[in-house]
Amino acid sequence: MKNYTKRVALLTAIIMATCYFKVSAVPAAGSYYKLKIYHYKTPAQYQALSNYLQQAYVPAMHRLGFKSIGVLHTMEKDTADRRVYVFIPFNNLGKIEDVDEKLSKDKLYIEQSKGYTNAIYNAAPYSRLEIVILKAFTGMPKPEIPLLAAAKSDRIYELRSYESATEKYHINKVDMFNAGDEIGIFNRLGFNAVFYSSVIAGSRMP
């Protein structure tokens, strides 16, 4: 899989199998995205993450009004760096910070996440947690969920990304997607993109 923290990222229906992708209404124009990437090594870590996300985190986010939460994992054959991705759309950059504070006051979340939160140092549910903040392209200002017939457990996605040598090259590439209508080209070719965005905070930029 190509590096997911490059400056420009898009999610297309090709390479990463989903655990679940719960979607109702999506945020309005001008979306921001938070991508939480849990790196893990063992089946026990994966099970702990799955339990936490399904039983505590995603339900709590739904209670806060975030209905479009994507949870995905790398394919089982990808053993070099196993990851679980959590994709969260926001319609306001400030809400990214606010949500953690609200979760800290959610008594049900606190109770249901004890196993994850109170894990001891040598039995952590993941090896590393990486956070990437993205801003939606103007050419596709909110995520779109492909209308696929396959069961959610059978769907495969690819996180495709581009890395630029300098900020100038990055700006030019983003312009190619927006003004140059590369997004339209991908749509006409049936790529089933979920989102297009620029990394505004991440470990690898531009």
Foldseek 3Di string as FASTA:
>chain_A
DDDLQAFKKWKFFDAWAFPDWFDDDWDDFWKKKKKKKFWAQDPLLVVLVVQLVVFAVQVLVVVVVQRGKTWTWGDPVPRPTTIIIIMTIDNDPVVVVVVVVVCVVPPSNCVSCCCQVVPDPVSHSGDDMFMWMWIFQNQFRIFDADPDDDDSRPTGMDIDHDHDPDPVVVVVVSCCVHVVVPVVVCVVVPRRIGTITGTPDGDGYD
